[in-house]
Amino acid sequence: MNDDELLDRLKSADPALTTQAPPPDIDRLVEDTLNTDTALQSATTAAGIATAGWGRRRLFGLAAAGLLVLGGGVAGGIMANSGNDNGHSASAKTAPTAGALRLTAEGGSGKCVVPGLATLRKYPTLFEGTVTSVKGSTTTFRVDQWFKGGDAETVVLTSDTGIPETLTYAEGGRYIVGAKDGFVPPCAAIDATPETIAEFHQAFFGK
């Protein structure tokens, strides 16, 4: 059988070319078209999409986890830097001097007579205090008693480094200090011995 004979036989078997061919079922064809799931794909294509989607989700999850770790590190760094001394914050550590009275000690090269009650009581600012720290030219007092001119719990005394001081303050020492206009003159402080403390308390408080 040659090609022409095969073609003739196929044509004769084609029902569309015969008068007996049934008319097309238009309703069924339309219904089949509308009910066809166009989302269906081959297994290979579907597998490729699923893999790609999982990859994106995994990358997103890893990125989110990285942000959480970074955020925790930043938060931990902030917590570590804002606290010290076993959890005490830096602001709490410096709080005792936050409302301190600040004075400047004037210096002098000559010696002066040790002042007594009659001299020191003339100063508008006068207190008895214990030195809690001496750092360079800065001396910090804890005020034990105000005689006049203030109510702060702490006094920070900065020395005039250009001129030597007459009185040297020692950490742990107790002193009675007088000041005027924010300055402590060279001869305006004395060691607070039990006798001088008793004398000043008697003079100012009658006891």
C-alpha atoms as a PDB file:
ATOM      1  CA  MET A   1       0.000   0.000   0.000  1.00  0.00           C
ATOM      2  CA  ASN A   2       1.418   3.278  -1.048  1.00  0.00           C
ATOM      3  CA  ASP A   3       0.898   6.689   0.519  1.00  0.00           C
ATOM      4  CA  ASP A   4      -1.973   7.688  -1.762  1.00  0.00           C
ATOM      5  CA  GLU A   5      -3.907   4.530  -0.987  1.00  0.00           C
ATOM      6  CA  LEU A   6      -3.351   5.017   2.769  1.00  0.00           C
ATOM      7  CA  LEU A   7      -4.563   8.608   2.562  1.00  0.00           C
ATOM      8  CA  ASP A   8      -7.713   7.593   0.695  1.00  0.00           C
ATOM      9  CA  ARG A   9      -8.484   4.922   3.265  1.00  0.00           C
ATOM     10  CA  LEU A  10      -8.050   7.398   6.141  1.00  0.00           C
ATOM     11  CA  LYS A  11     -10.323   9.922   4.472  1.00  0.00           C
ATOM     12  CA  SER A  12     -13.033   7.338   3.966  1.00  0.00           C
ATOM     13  CA  ALA A  13     -12.842   6.400   7.642  1.00  0.00           C
ATOM     14  CA  ASP A  14     -13.109  10.036   8.854  1.00  0.00           C
ATOM     15  CA  PRO A  15     -16.687  10.516  10.109  1.00  0.00           C
ATOM     16  CA  ALA A  16     -16.467  14.281   9.646  1.00  0.00           C
ATOM     17  CA  LEU A  17     -16.234  13.821   5.925  1.00  0.00           C
ATOM     18  CA  THR A  18     -19.314  11.662   5.743  1.00  0.00           C
ATOM     19  CA  THR A  19     -22.930  12.733   5.695  1.00  0.00           C
ATOM     20  CA  GLN A  20     -23.576  10.371   8.608  1.00  0.00           C
ATOM     21  CA  ALA A  21     -21.309  12.308  10.972  1.00  0.00           C
ATOM     22  CA  PRO A  22     -23.261  13.564  14.020  1.00  0.00           C
ATOM     23  CA  PRO A  23     -23.380  17.310  14.610  1.00  0.00           C
ATOM     24  CA  PRO A  24     -20.946  18.545  17.215  1.00  0.00           C
ATOM     25  CA  ASP A  25     -22.250  18.698  20.804  1.00  0.00           C
ATOM     26  CA  ILE A  26     -21.631  22.430  21.423  1.00  0.00           C
ATOM     27  CA  ASP A  27     -23.051  22.404  24.952  1.00  0.00           C
ATOM     28  CA  ARG A  28     -20.806  19.567  26.068  1.00  0.00           C
ATOM     29  CA  LEU A  29     -17.723  21.178  24.556  1.00  0.00           C
ATOM     30  CA  VAL A  30     -18.434  24.496  26.301  1.00  0.00           C
ATOM     31  CA  GLU A  31     -19.094  22.721  29.617  1.00  0.00           C
ATOM     32  CA  ASP A  32     -15.848  20.738  29.322  1.00  0.00           C
ATOM     33  CA  THR A  33     -13.923  23.911  28.589  1.00  0.00           C
ATOM     34  CA  LEU A  34     -15.378  25.777  31.564  1.00  0.00           C
ATOM     35  CA  ASN A  35     -14.751  22.849  33.928  1.00  0.00           C
ATOM     36  CA  THR A  36     -11.132  22.347  32.877  1.00  0.00           C
ATOM     37  CA  ASP A  37      -8.706  23.073  35.772  1.00  0.00           C
ATOM     38  CA  THR A  38      -6.117  25.277  34.144  1.00  0.00           C
ATOM     39  CA  ALA A  39      -4.022  25.193  37.393  1.00  0.00           C
ATOM     40  CA  LEU A  40      -3.129  21.558  36.789  1.00  0.00           C
ATOM     41  CA  GLN A  41       0.473  21.159  35.717  1.00  0.00           C
ATOM     42  CA  SER A  42       2.823  18.357  35.021  1.00  0.00           C
ATOM     43  CA  ALA A  43       4.512  16.675  37.957  1.00  0.00           C
ATOM     44  CA  THR A  44       7.864  18.080  36.890  1.00  0.00           C
ATOM     45  CA  THR A  45       6.594  21.669  36.702  1.00  0.00           C
ATOM     46  CA  ALA A  46       4.670  21.370  39.957  1.00  0.00           C
ATOM     47  CA  ALA A  47       7.704  19.939  41.713  1.00  0.00           C
ATOM     48  CA  GLY A  48       9.842  22.799  40.433  1.00  0.00           C
ATOM     49  CA  ILE A  49       7.398  25.415  41.731  1.00  0.00           C
ATOM     50  CA  ALA A  50       7.087  23.697  45.097  1.00  0.00           C
ATOM     51  CA  THR A  51      10.871  23.607  45.453  1.00  0.00           C
ATOM     52  CA  ALA A  52      11.194  27.273  44.532  1.00  0.00           C
ATOM     53  CA  GLY A  53       8.461  28.251  46.969  1.00  0.00           C
ATOM     54  CA  TRP A  54      10.097  26.274  49.772  1.00  0.00           C
ATOM     55  CA  GLY A  55      13.386  27.963  48.985  1.00  0.00           C
ATOM     56  CA  ARG A  56      11.861  31.431  49.284  1.00  0.00           C
ATOM     57  CA  ARG A  57      10.110  30.514  52.517  1.00  0.00           C
ATOM     58  CA  ARG A  58      13.333  29.082  53.895  1.00  0.00           C
ATOM     59  CA  LEU A  59      15.320  32.201  52.951  1.00  0.00           C
ATOM     60  CA  PHE A  60      12.652  34.384  54.545  1.00  0.00           C
ATOM     61  CA  GLY A  61      12.736  32.265  57.711  1.00  0.00           C
ATOM     62  CA  LEU A  62      16.517  32.438  57.895  1.00  0.00           C
ATOM     63  CA  ALA A  63      16.447  36.202  57.378  1.00  0.00           C
ATOM     64  CA  ALA A  64      13.850  36.584  60.135  1.00  0.00           C
ATOM     65  CA  ALA A  65      15.910  34.411  62.466  1.00  0.00           C
ATOM     66  CA  GLY A  66      18.979  36.520  61.702  1.00  0.00           C
ATOM     67  CA  LEU A  67      17.093  39.715  62.526  1.00  0.00           C
ATOM     68  CA  LEU A  68      15.939  38.198  65.822  1.00  0.00           C
ATOM     69  CA  VAL A  69      19.503  37.246  66.741  1.00  0.00           C
ATOM     70  CA  LEU A  70      20.785  40.676  65.719  1.00  0.00           C
ATOM     71  CA  GLY A  71      18.021  42.373  67.661  1.00  0.00           C
ATOM     72  CA  GLY A  72      18.795  40.292  70.728  1.00  0.00           C
ATOM     73  CA  GLY A  73      22.476  41.168  70.433  1.00  0.00           C
ATOM     74  CA  VAL A  74      21.740  44.884  70.141  1.00  0.00           C
ATOM     75  CA  ALA A  75      19.317  44.714  73.071  1.00  0.00           C
ATOM     76  CA  GLY A  76      21.869  42.761  75.113  1.00  0.00           C
ATOM     77  CA  GLY A  77      24.537  45.332  74.233  1.00  0.00           C
ATOM     78  CA  ILE A  78      22.285  48.165  75.291  1.00  0.00           C
ATOM     79  CA  MET A  79      21.471  46.396  78.566  1.00  0.00           C
ATOM     80  CA  ALA A  80      25.136  45.628  79.192  1.00  0.00           C
ATOM     81  CA  ASN A  81      26.233  49.211  78.517  1.00  0.00           C
ATOM     82  CA  SER A  82      23.449  50.829  80.520  1.00  0.00           C
ATOM     83  CA  GLY A  83      24.201  48.811  83.675  1.00  0.00           C
ATOM     84  CA  ASN A  84      27.354  48.187  85.667  1.00  0.00           C
ATOM     85  CA  ASP A  85      28.495  47.273  89.136  1.00  0.00           C
ATOM     86  CA  ASN A  86      26.329  44.146  89.288  1.00  0.00           C
ATOM     87  CA  GLY A  87      23.285  45.678  87.657  1.00  0.00           C
ATOM     88  CA  HIS A  88      23.414  49.193  89.077  1.00  0.00           C
ATOM     89  CA  SER A  89      22.900  51.748  86.356  1.00  0.00           C
ATOM     90  CA  ALA A  90      25.424  54.476  85.631  1.00  0.00           C
ATOM     91  CA  SER A  91      22.883  57.152  86.571  1.00  0.00           C
ATOM     92  CA  ALA A  92      22.333  55.505  89.964  1.00  0.00           C
ATOM     93  CA  LYS A  93      26.087  55.435  90.524  1.00  0.00           C
ATOM     94  CA  THR A  94      26.476  59.193  89.931  1.00  0.00           C
ATOM     95  CA  ALA A  95      23.230  60.135  91.680  1.00  0.00           C
ATOM     96  CA  PRO A  96      24.877  61.230  94.990  1.00  0.00           C
ATOM     97  CA  THR A  97      26.611  64.175  93.210  1.00  0.00           C
ATOM     98  CA  ALA A  98      23.748  65.032  90.859  1.00  0.00           C
ATOM     99  CA  GLY A  99      22.318  67.630  93.259  1.00  0.00           C
ATOM    100  CA  ALA A 100      25.611  68.491  94.918  1.00  0.00           C
ATOM    101  CA  LEU A 101      26.715  71.977  95.864  1.00  0.00           C
ATOM    102  CA  ARG A 102      29.782  72.813  93.780  1.00  0.00           C
ATOM    103  CA  LEU A 103      32.482  75.089  95.160  1.00  0.00           C
ATOM    104  CA  THR A 104      35.949  76.202  94.076  1.00  0.00           C
ATOM    105  CA  ALA A 105      38.869  76.255  96.505  1.00  0.00           C
ATOM    106  CA  GLU A 106      41.099  79.293  96.184  1.00  0.00           C
ATOM    107  CA  GLY A 107      44.810  78.753  96.787  1.00  0.00           C
ATOM    108  CA  GLY A 108      47.527  80.833  98.357  1.00  0.00           C
ATOM    109  CA  SER A 109      51.273  80.631  98.729  1.00  0.00           C
ATOM    110  CA  GLY A 110      51.465  82.126 102.192  1.00  0.00           C
ATOM    111  CA  LYS A 111      50.548  80.592 105.523  1.00  0.00           C
ATOM    112  CA  CYS A 112      47.481  81.718 107.394  1.00  0.00           C
ATOM    113  CA  VAL A 113      46.322  81.548 110.956  1.00  0.00           C
ATOM    114  CA  VAL A 114      44.128  78.522 111.611  1.00  0.00           C
ATOM    115  CA  PRO A 115      40.591  79.933 111.648  1.00  0.00           C
ATOM    116  CA  GLY A 116      38.328  79.427 114.599  1.00  0.00           C
ATOM    117  CA  LEU A 117      34.631  79.785 115.282  1.00  0.00           C
ATOM    118  CA  ALA A 118      34.746  83.605 115.230  1.00  0.00           C
ATOM    119  CA  THR A 119      36.216  83.624 111.698  1.00  0.00           C
ATOM    120  CA  LEU A 120      34.315  80.762 110.069  1.00  0.00           C
ATOM    121  CA  ARG A 121      30.871  81.793 111.304  1.00  0.00           C
ATOM    122  CA  LYS A 122      31.136  84.935 109.164  1.00  0.00           C
ATOM    123  CA  TYR A 123      30.973  82.932 105.941  1.00  0.00           C
ATOM    124  CA  PRO A 124      27.487  82.708 104.405  1.00  0.00           C
ATOM    125  CA  THR A 125      28.102  79.025 103.564  1.00  0.00           C
ATOM    126  CA  LEU A 126      29.383  76.789 106.353  1.00  0.00           C
ATOM    127  CA  PHE A 127      29.208  73.005 106.755  1.00  0.00           C
ATOM    128  CA  GLU A 128      30.798  70.026 108.478  1.00  0.00           C
ATOM    129  CA  GLY A 129      31.604  67.150 106.138  1.00  0.00           C
ATOM    130  CA  THR A 130      33.514  63.928 105.614  1.00  0.00           C
ATOM    131  CA  VAL A 131      35.670  63.490 102.505  1.00  0.00           C
ATOM    132  CA  THR A 132      34.399  60.518 100.503  1.00  0.00           C
ATOM    133  CA  SER A 133      36.814  60.805  97.573  1.00  0.00           C
ATOM    134  CA  VAL A 134      39.812  62.789  96.353  1.00  0.00           C
ATOM    135  CA  LYS A 135      40.434  62.569  92.610  1.00  0.00           C
ATOM    136  CA  GLY A 136      43.013  64.972  91.246  1.00  0.00           C
ATOM    137  CA  SER A 137      41.852  68.487  91.960  1.00  0.00           C
ATOM    138  CA  THR A 138      38.328  67.387  92.964  1.00  0.00           C
ATOM    139  CA  THR A 139      37.334  66.609  96.540  1.00  0.00           C
ATOM    140  CA  THR A 140      33.876  65.247  97.354  1.00  0.00           C
ATOM    141  CA  PHE A 141      32.328  65.722 100.797  1.00  0.00           C
ATOM    142  CA  ARG A 142      29.392  64.014 102.431  1.00  0.00           C
ATOM    143  CA  VAL A 143      27.743  66.763 104.429  1.00  0.00           C
ATOM    144  CA  ASP A 144      27.355  65.685 108.062  1.00  0.00           C
ATOM    145  CA  GLN A 145      25.931  68.994 109.261  1.00  0.00           C
ATOM    146  CA  TRP A 146      24.930  72.276 107.660  1.00  0.00           C
ATOM    147  CA  PHE A 147      25.514  75.271 109.892  1.00  0.00           C
ATOM    148  CA  LYS A 148      24.312  77.821 107.312  1.00  0.00           C
ATOM    149  CA  GLY A 149      23.857  78.480 103.615  1.00  0.00           C
ATOM    150  CA  GLY A 150      22.829  75.125 102.168  1.00  0.00           C
ATOM    151  CA  ASP A 151      20.963  71.825 102.372  1.00  0.00           C
ATOM    152  CA  ALA A 152      22.700  69.574  99.809  1.00  0.00           C
ATOM    153  CA  GLU A 153      23.840  66.151 100.941  1.00  0.00           C
ATOM    154  CA  THR A 154      27.062  66.404  98.921  1.00  0.00           C
ATOM    155  CA  VAL A 155      29.606  69.142  98.248  1.00  0.00           C
ATOM    156  CA  VAL A 156      32.053  68.887  95.346  1.00  0.00           C
ATOM    157  CA  LEU A 157      35.102  71.101  95.861  1.00  0.00           C
ATOM    158  CA  THR A 158      37.321  71.816  92.863  1.00  0.00           C
ATOM    159  CA  SER A 159      40.765  73.216  93.612  1.00  0.00           C
ATOM    160  CA  ASP A 160      42.347  76.069  91.700  1.00  0.00           C
ATOM    161  CA  THR A 161      45.175  74.046  90.151  1.00  0.00           C
ATOM    162  CA  GLY A 162      47.086  77.203  89.175  1.00  0.00           C
ATOM    163  CA  ILE A 163      47.751  78.134  92.801  1.00  0.00           C
ATOM    164  CA  PRO A 164      48.761  75.683  95.546  1.00  0.00           C
ATOM    165  CA  GLU A 165      46.224  75.047  98.283  1.00  0.00           C
ATOM    166  CA  THR A 166      46.851  75.912 101.894  1.00  0.00           C
ATOM    167  CA  LEU A 167      44.791  72.991 103.208  1.00  0.00           C
ATOM    168  CA  THR A 168      45.123  69.460 101.889  1.00  0.00           C
ATOM    169  CA  TYR A 169      42.044  67.239 102.189  1.00  0.00           C
ATOM    170  CA  ALA A 170      42.417  63.553 102.972  1.00  0.00           C
ATOM    171  CA  GLU A 171      39.879  60.870 102.103  1.00  0.00           C
ATOM    172  CA  GLY A 172      37.983  59.878 105.233  1.00  0.00           C
ATOM    173  CA  GLY A 173      38.912  63.126 106.993  1.00  0.00           C
ATOM    174  CA  ARG A 174      36.318  65.418 108.605  1.00  0.00           C
ATOM    175  CA  TYR A 175      36.420  69.174 108.062  1.00  0.00           C
ATOM    176  CA  ILE A 176      34.475  72.328 108.758  1.00  0.00           C
ATOM    177  CA  VAL A 177      34.477  74.408 105.585  1.00  0.00           C
ATOM    178  CA  GLY A 178      33.341  77.966 104.923  1.00  0.00           C
ATOM    179  CA  ALA A 179      32.623  79.550 101.527  1.00  0.00           C
ATOM    180  CA  LYS A 180      31.467  82.818  99.985  1.00  0.00           C
ATOM    181  CA  ASP A 181      30.104  83.381  96.463  1.00  0.00           C
ATOM    182  CA  GLY A 182      30.984  79.816  95.501  1.00  0.00           C
ATOM    183  CA  PHE A 183      34.645  80.035  96.607  1.00  0.00           C
ATOM    184  CA  VAL A 184      36.482  78.567  99.592  1.00  0.00           C
ATOM    185  CA  PRO A 185      39.335  80.931 100.627  1.00  0.00           C
ATOM    186  CA  PRO A 186      42.702  79.447 101.661  1.00  0.00           C
ATOM    187  CA  CYS A 187      42.018  79.926 105.376  1.00  0.00           C
ATOM    188  CA  ALA A 188      38.364  78.929 105.451  1.00  0.00           C
ATOM    189  CA  ALA A 189      38.615  75.252 106.460  1.00  0.00           C
ATOM    190  CA  ILE A 190      39.809  73.385 109.531  1.00  0.00           C
ATOM    191  CA  ASP A 191      40.033  69.807 110.735  1.00  0.00           C
ATOM    192  CA  ALA A 192      36.805  68.821 112.468  1.00  0.00           C
ATOM    193  CA  THR A 193      38.074  67.461 115.763  1.00  0.00           C
ATOM    194  CA  PRO A 194      35.574  66.365 118.418  1.00  0.00           C
ATOM    195  CA  GLU A 195      36.305  69.603 120.303  1.00  0.00           C
ATOM    196  CA  THR A 196      35.691  71.924 117.327  1.00  0.00           C
ATOM    197  CA  ILE A 197      32.534  69.997 116.342  1.00  0.00           C
ATOM    198  CA  ALA A 198      31.177  70.376 119.862  1.00  0.00           C
ATOM    199  CA  GLU A 199      32.065  74.085 119.846  1.00  0.00           C
ATOM    200  CA  PHE A 200      30.298  74.761 116.529  1.00  0.00           C
ATOM    201  CA  HIS A 201      27.216  72.716 117.452  1.00  0.00           C
ATOM    202  CA  GLN A 202      26.944  74.634 120.725  1.00  0.00           C
ATOM    203  CA  ALA A 203      27.298  77.975 118.938  1.00  0.00           C
ATOM    204  CA  PHE A 204      24.718  77.256 116.211  1.00  0.00           C
ATOM    205  CA  PHE A 205      22.291  74.869 117.862  1.00  0.00           C
ATOM    206  CA  GLY A 206      22.872  75.413 121.584  1.00  0.00           C
ATOM    207  CA  LYS A 207      23.877  71.817 122.156  1.00  0.00           C
END
